[in-house]
Amino acid sequence: MKKICMILAAVLMCAATLEAKTLVVYFSATGTTKAAAQKIAKEQNATLWEIEPAEKYTAADLDWRNKQSRSSIEMNDPEARPAIKQCTNIQPYEMIYVGYPIWWGICPRIIDSWLENNLAQLEGKKLIPFATSGSSTIDQSVQYLRTNYPSLNWQDGILMNK
């Protein structure tokens, strides 16, 4: 009987490991990061969830050459936290890929909004940043995340360019 219980316990532990849940959460203003997120979700057999701003970004909002554009104003204000439409329950997930385009060398402020809204639930989870960029590396953004959210378990980042 004792041997059967030990075998059953081992089987249950293996089943729990196989059912470890993965989430791919991302923000995409133009669709580039969305495509990268979809690729990761498919490869990892993960749940996909989009961080949606309460107010959608327009082309004018994304004009980084205009110092008065919404993205420029947000990125030049370290305290800016754009509102997001809704949050998802991240409690069941053990590994979370966090995706974003690189803006001004780091993640957009909406990523800060999402992280701060979920900070307590993120503790103890493995977080893997991934980003898209036409010219930047992911290094500065990963350092930003590690510096600003040191209690979280950040892994090395993945740059997902075409």
Foldseek 3Di string as FASTA:
>chain_A
DVVVVVVVVVVVVVVVVVPAAEEEEEEDQDCPQVVVSVVVCVVVVHHYYYFAFPDRADPQLVPCVDCPRVQNVQVVDPPDATHTDDADDCQRHQEYEYEAEQDPQAHGNPSVNRCVVCVVSQQNHEYEYEYEYPDHDHVSHLVVCCVVNVRGHYDYYHYDYD
